[in-house]
Amino acid sequence: MKIQALNDPALAAASLAATKAERGGASSGTGATEAAGAASGSGATVTVSGAARTLNVASAGTGIDEAKVASVKASIADGTFKVDSGAIADKMLSNAQEMLSRVRN
């Protein structure tokens, strides 16, 4: 599994400002957030309505298959979990090749 880092400073600042705005509460009556525009420093104002925020929260799943997690836990607990060393080796080699190709480019 790969985790993407926030390498774009403007994106990281906008994300931080949006998080602070959500925690502190929105100042306008419609629940709009103006954090992204203010964080980028361009003078542009971006607003997100409360309905859009609700839709975003509702559609943001965790991406975790709870049934599979439970199955793996049960397999480990009863001693029947088998590690596929070939699959692990293949992934390690693939990740190493990907990292080396990034360094070369």
N, C-alpha and C. Protein backbone atom coordinates (compact mmCIF):
# COMPACT_ATOMS: atom_id res chain seq x y z
N MET A 1 0.85 -1.16 0.00
CA MET A 1 0.00 0.00 0.00
C MET A 1 0.90 1.22 0.00
N LYS A 2 0.51 2.23 -0.81
CA LYS A 2 1.29 3.43 -0.91
C LYS A 2 0.52 4.59 -0.30
N ILE A 3 1.23 5.48 0.33
CA ILE A 3 0.64 6.67 0.92
C ILE A 3 1.24 7.87 0.24
N GLN A 4 0.39 8.70 -0.34
CA GLN A 4 0.85 9.88 -1.05
C GLN A 4 1.05 11.02 -0.06
N ALA A 5 2.16 11.70 -0.15
CA ALA A 5 2.45 12.85 0.70
C ALA A 5 1.98 14.12 0.02
N LEU A 6 1.68 15.14 0.82
CA LEU A 6 1.32 16.44 0.27
C LEU A 6 2.61 17.19 -0.04
N ASN A 7 3.05 17.13 -1.31
CA ASN A 7 4.29 17.80 -1.71
C ASN A 7 4.04 19.22 -2.18
N ASP A 8 2.80 19.59 -2.47
CA ASP A 8 2.46 20.92 -2.95
C ASP A 8 2.18 21.82 -1.76
N PRO A 9 3.02 22.84 -1.51
CA PRO A 9 2.82 23.69 -0.33
C PRO A 9 1.47 24.40 -0.34
N ALA A 10 1.00 24.83 -1.51
CA ALA A 10 -0.29 25.52 -1.58
C ALA A 10 -1.43 24.57 -1.21
N LEU A 11 -1.33 23.32 -1.68
CA LEU A 11 -2.35 22.33 -1.36
C LEU A 11 -2.32 22.01 0.14
N ALA A 12 -1.15 21.88 0.69
CA ALA A 12 -1.03 21.59 2.12
C ALA A 12 -1.59 22.75 2.94
N ALA A 13 -1.30 23.99 2.53
CA ALA A 13 -1.80 25.15 3.26
C ALA A 13 -3.31 25.25 3.16
N ALA A 14 -3.86 24.96 1.97
CA ALA A 14 -5.31 25.00 1.79
C ALA A 14 -5.98 23.94 2.64
N SER A 15 -5.37 22.76 2.69
CA SER A 15 -5.93 21.68 3.49
C SER A 15 -5.93 22.04 4.98
N LEU A 16 -4.83 22.63 5.43
CA LEU A 16 -4.73 23.03 6.83
C LEU A 16 -5.74 24.12 7.15
N ALA A 17 -5.88 25.10 6.26
CA ALA A 17 -6.83 26.19 6.48
C ALA A 17 -8.26 25.68 6.50
N ALA A 18 -8.57 24.72 5.60
CA ALA A 18 -9.92 24.16 5.57
C ALA A 18 -10.21 23.40 6.85
N THR A 19 -9.23 22.67 7.36
CA THR A 19 -9.41 21.93 8.61
C THR A 19 -9.65 22.89 9.77
N LYS A 20 -8.87 23.97 9.82
CA LYS A 20 -9.04 24.96 10.88
C LYS A 20 -10.41 25.62 10.79
N ALA A 21 -10.85 25.92 9.55
CA ALA A 21 -12.15 26.57 9.37
C ALA A 21 -13.28 25.65 9.80
N GLU A 22 -13.16 24.36 9.52
CA GLU A 22 -14.20 23.42 9.92
C GLU A 22 -14.26 23.29 11.44
N ARG A 23 -13.13 23.28 12.08
CA ARG A 23 -13.10 23.14 13.53
C ARG A 23 -13.60 24.40 14.22
N GLY A 24 -13.28 25.54 13.65
CA GLY A 24 -13.65 26.80 14.26
C GLY A 24 -15.06 27.24 13.91
N GLY A 25 -15.67 26.60 12.93
CA GLY A 25 -17.01 26.99 12.51
C GLY A 25 -16.93 28.03 11.42
N ALA A 26 -17.87 27.99 10.50
CA ALA A 26 -17.89 28.92 9.39
C ALA A 26 -18.49 30.24 9.85
N SER A 27 -18.02 31.36 9.26
CA SER A 27 -18.49 32.66 9.69
C SER A 27 -19.73 33.11 8.95
N SER A 28 -20.00 32.60 7.77
CA SER A 28 -21.17 33.06 7.02
C SER A 28 -22.39 32.23 7.36
N GLY A 29 -23.55 32.77 7.04
CA GLY A 29 -24.80 32.10 7.37
C GLY A 29 -25.02 30.82 6.60
N THR A 30 -24.41 30.67 5.41
CA THR A 30 -24.62 29.48 4.60
C THR A 30 -23.67 28.37 4.94
N GLY A 31 -22.71 28.64 5.81
CA GLY A 31 -21.74 27.61 6.18
C GLY A 31 -20.64 27.48 5.15
N ALA A 32 -20.35 28.54 4.41
CA ALA A 32 -19.34 28.48 3.35
C ALA A 32 -17.95 28.59 3.95
N THR A 33 -17.01 27.92 3.33
CA THR A 33 -15.62 27.98 3.77
C THR A 33 -14.82 28.69 2.70
N GLU A 34 -14.03 29.68 3.11
CA GLU A 34 -13.23 30.44 2.17
C GLU A 34 -11.75 30.16 2.37
N ALA A 35 -11.40 29.02 2.88
CA ALA A 35 -10.03 28.72 3.28
C ALA A 35 -9.10 28.51 2.10
N ALA A 36 -9.52 27.84 1.06
CA ALA A 36 -8.61 27.48 -0.02
C ALA A 36 -8.09 28.71 -0.73
N GLY A 37 -8.93 29.67 -1.03
CA GLY A 37 -8.50 30.87 -1.71
C GLY A 37 -7.59 31.70 -0.85
N ALA A 38 -7.89 31.82 0.41
CA ALA A 38 -7.07 32.62 1.32
C ALA A 38 -5.70 31.98 1.51
N ALA A 39 -5.63 30.66 1.56
CA ALA A 39 -4.37 29.98 1.80
C ALA A 39 -3.44 30.06 0.60
N SER A 40 -3.98 30.13 -0.61
CA SER A 40 -3.13 30.13 -1.79
C SER A 40 -2.48 31.48 -2.01
N GLY A 41 -3.02 32.55 -1.42
CA GLY A 41 -2.40 33.86 -1.55
C GLY A 41 -2.68 34.53 -2.87
N SER A 42 -3.54 33.97 -3.72
CA SER A 42 -3.80 34.55 -5.03
C SER A 42 -4.87 35.62 -4.99
N GLY A 43 -5.53 35.80 -3.87
CA GLY A 43 -6.59 36.79 -3.77
C GLY A 43 -7.94 36.23 -4.19
N ALA A 44 -7.96 35.06 -4.76
CA ALA A 44 -9.22 34.44 -5.17
C ALA A 44 -9.90 33.85 -3.95
N THR A 45 -11.22 33.89 -3.95
CA THR A 45 -11.98 33.33 -2.84
C THR A 45 -12.75 32.12 -3.34
N VAL A 46 -12.60 31.02 -2.64
CA VAL A 46 -13.31 29.80 -2.98
C VAL A 46 -14.26 29.51 -1.84
N THR A 47 -15.53 29.26 -2.18
CA THR A 47 -16.50 28.93 -1.15
C THR A 47 -17.07 27.55 -1.40
N VAL A 48 -17.29 26.84 -0.34
CA VAL A 48 -17.87 25.50 -0.40
C VAL A 48 -19.12 25.53 0.47
N SER A 49 -20.24 25.21 -0.13
CA SER A 49 -21.49 25.26 0.62
C SER A 49 -21.57 24.13 1.63
N GLY A 50 -22.45 24.30 2.58
CA GLY A 50 -22.66 23.25 3.58
C GLY A 50 -23.14 21.96 2.95
N ALA A 51 -23.99 22.07 1.91
CA ALA A 51 -24.48 20.87 1.22
C ALA A 51 -23.33 20.13 0.54
N ALA A 52 -22.41 20.88 -0.07
CA ALA A 52 -21.26 20.24 -0.72
C ALA A 52 -20.37 19.56 0.30
N ARG A 53 -20.19 20.20 1.45
CA ARG A 53 -19.37 19.61 2.50
C ARG A 53 -20.01 18.32 3.02
N THR A 54 -21.34 18.35 3.18
CA THR A 54 -22.06 17.16 3.64
C THR A 54 -21.92 16.04 2.62
N LEU A 55 -22.03 16.38 1.34
CA LEU A 55 -21.89 15.38 0.28
C LEU A 55 -20.48 14.79 0.29
N ASN A 56 -19.48 15.63 0.49
CA ASN A 56 -18.10 15.17 0.53
C ASN A 56 -17.88 14.21 1.69
N VAL A 57 -18.41 14.53 2.85
CA VAL A 57 -18.25 13.67 4.03
C VAL A 57 -18.97 12.34 3.81
N ALA A 58 -20.16 12.39 3.21
CA ALA A 58 -20.93 11.17 2.98
C ALA A 58 -20.25 10.25 1.97
N SER A 59 -19.55 10.82 0.98
CA SER A 59 -18.94 10.00 -0.05
C SER A 59 -17.53 9.56 0.30
N ALA A 60 -16.95 10.12 1.36
CA ALA A 60 -15.58 9.79 1.74
C ALA A 60 -15.57 8.53 2.60
N GLY A 61 -15.39 7.39 1.96
CA GLY A 61 -15.30 6.14 2.70
C GLY A 61 -13.88 5.93 3.20
N THR A 62 -13.70 4.98 4.06
CA THR A 62 -12.37 4.73 4.60
C THR A 62 -11.53 3.91 3.65
N GLY A 63 -12.15 3.22 2.71
CA GLY A 63 -11.39 2.40 1.78
C GLY A 63 -10.92 1.10 2.40
N ILE A 64 -11.44 0.76 3.56
CA ILE A 64 -11.04 -0.46 4.25
C ILE A 64 -12.17 -1.48 4.15
N ASP A 65 -11.82 -2.66 3.69
CA ASP A 65 -12.80 -3.74 3.58
C ASP A 65 -12.90 -4.42 4.94
N GLU A 66 -13.91 -4.02 5.71
CA GLU A 66 -14.07 -4.52 7.08
C GLU A 66 -14.25 -6.04 7.13
N ALA A 67 -14.92 -6.61 6.15
CA ALA A 67 -15.13 -8.06 6.12
C ALA A 67 -13.80 -8.79 5.94
N LYS A 68 -12.94 -8.24 5.06
CA LYS A 68 -11.64 -8.87 4.84
C LYS A 68 -10.76 -8.75 6.09
N VAL A 69 -10.81 -7.60 6.74
CA VAL A 69 -10.04 -7.41 7.97
C VAL A 69 -10.48 -8.43 9.02
N ALA A 70 -11.78 -8.61 9.17
CA ALA A 70 -12.30 -9.57 10.14
C ALA A 70 -11.87 -10.99 9.79
N SER A 71 -11.89 -11.30 8.49
CA SER A 71 -11.48 -12.63 8.04
C SER A 71 -10.01 -12.89 8.34
N VAL A 72 -9.16 -11.92 8.07
CA VAL A 72 -7.72 -12.08 8.33
C VAL A 72 -7.47 -12.20 9.83
N LYS A 73 -8.16 -11.39 10.64
CA LYS A 73 -8.01 -11.49 12.09
C LYS A 73 -8.40 -12.88 12.59
N ALA A 74 -9.49 -13.40 12.06
CA ALA A 74 -9.95 -14.73 12.47
C ALA A 74 -8.93 -15.80 12.06
N SER A 75 -8.38 -15.68 10.85
CA SER A 75 -7.38 -16.64 10.37
C SER A 75 -6.13 -16.61 11.24
N ILE A 76 -5.70 -15.41 11.63
CA ILE A 76 -4.53 -15.29 12.50
C ILE A 76 -4.82 -15.90 13.86
N ALA A 77 -6.01 -15.60 14.39
CA ALA A 77 -6.38 -16.09 15.72
C ALA A 77 -6.44 -17.62 15.77
N ASP A 78 -6.96 -18.25 14.70
CA ASP A 78 -7.06 -19.71 14.75
C ASP A 78 -5.86 -20.42 14.13
N GLY A 79 -4.84 -19.65 13.72
CA GLY A 79 -3.60 -20.25 13.24
C GLY A 79 -3.63 -20.75 11.81
N THR A 80 -4.60 -20.36 11.02
CA THR A 80 -4.69 -20.84 9.64
C THR A 80 -4.22 -19.81 8.62
N PHE A 81 -3.75 -18.65 9.06
CA PHE A 81 -3.31 -17.61 8.12
C PHE A 81 -2.00 -18.04 7.47
N LYS A 82 -1.95 -17.99 6.15
CA LYS A 82 -0.76 -18.38 5.40
C LYS A 82 -0.18 -17.14 4.72
N VAL A 83 1.11 -16.93 4.89
CA VAL A 83 1.80 -15.80 4.26
C VAL A 83 2.30 -16.24 2.90
N ASP A 84 1.96 -15.47 1.85
CA ASP A 84 2.41 -15.76 0.49
C ASP A 84 3.72 -15.03 0.27
N SER A 85 4.83 -15.70 0.55
CA SER A 85 6.15 -15.05 0.47
C SER A 85 6.48 -14.62 -0.95
N GLY A 86 5.98 -15.35 -1.94
CA GLY A 86 6.22 -14.98 -3.34
C GLY A 86 5.56 -13.65 -3.69
N ALA A 87 4.34 -13.46 -3.21
CA ALA A 87 3.63 -12.20 -3.48
C ALA A 87 4.33 -11.03 -2.78
N ILE A 88 4.81 -11.29 -1.57
CA ILE A 88 5.52 -10.22 -0.83
C ILE A 88 6.81 -9.87 -1.55
N ALA A 89 7.55 -10.86 -2.01
CA ALA A 89 8.80 -10.61 -2.74
C ALA A 89 8.53 -9.85 -4.03
N ASP A 90 7.48 -10.22 -4.75
CA ASP A 90 7.13 -9.52 -6.00
C ASP A 90 6.81 -8.06 -5.75
N LYS A 91 6.05 -7.78 -4.70
CA LYS A 91 5.70 -6.39 -4.37
C LYS A 91 6.94 -5.60 -3.96
N MET A 92 7.83 -6.23 -3.19
CA MET A 92 9.04 -5.53 -2.76
C MET A 92 9.91 -5.18 -3.97
N LEU A 93 10.04 -6.10 -4.91
CA LEU A 93 10.83 -5.83 -6.11
C LEU A 93 10.17 -4.75 -6.96
N SER A 94 8.87 -4.81 -7.08
CA SER A 94 8.14 -3.81 -7.85
C SER A 94 8.31 -2.42 -7.25
N ASN A 95 8.19 -2.33 -5.94
CA ASN A 95 8.36 -1.03 -5.26
C ASN A 95 9.79 -0.52 -5.41
N ALA A 96 10.77 -1.41 -5.33
CA ALA A 96 12.17 -1.01 -5.49
C ALA A 96 12.42 -0.50 -6.90
N GLN A 97 11.87 -1.18 -7.91
CA GLN A 97 12.03 -0.73 -9.29
C GLN A 97 11.38 0.63 -9.50
N GLU A 98 10.22 0.83 -8.90
CA GLU A 98 9.53 2.12 -9.03
C GLU A 98 10.34 3.23 -8.39
N MET A 99 10.89 2.99 -7.21
CA MET A 99 11.69 4.00 -6.53
C MET A 99 12.95 4.32 -7.32
N LEU A 100 13.60 3.30 -7.88
CA LEU A 100 14.80 3.53 -8.67
C LEU A 100 14.50 4.30 -9.95
N SER A 101 13.35 4.03 -10.56
CA SER A 101 13.00 4.77 -11.77
C SER A 101 12.72 6.24 -11.46
N ARG A 102 12.20 6.54 -10.27
CA ARG A 102 11.98 7.94 -9.87
C ARG A 102 13.31 8.65 -9.67
N VAL A 103 14.28 7.96 -9.09
CA VAL A 103 15.58 8.55 -8.83
C VAL A 103 16.30 8.85 -10.14
N ARG A 104 16.16 7.97 -11.09
CA ARG A 104 16.84 8.14 -12.38
C ARG A 104 16.23 9.25 -13.21
N ASN A 105 14.95 9.51 -13.04
CA ASN A 105 14.27 10.54 -13.86
C ASN A 105 14.32 11.86 -13.24
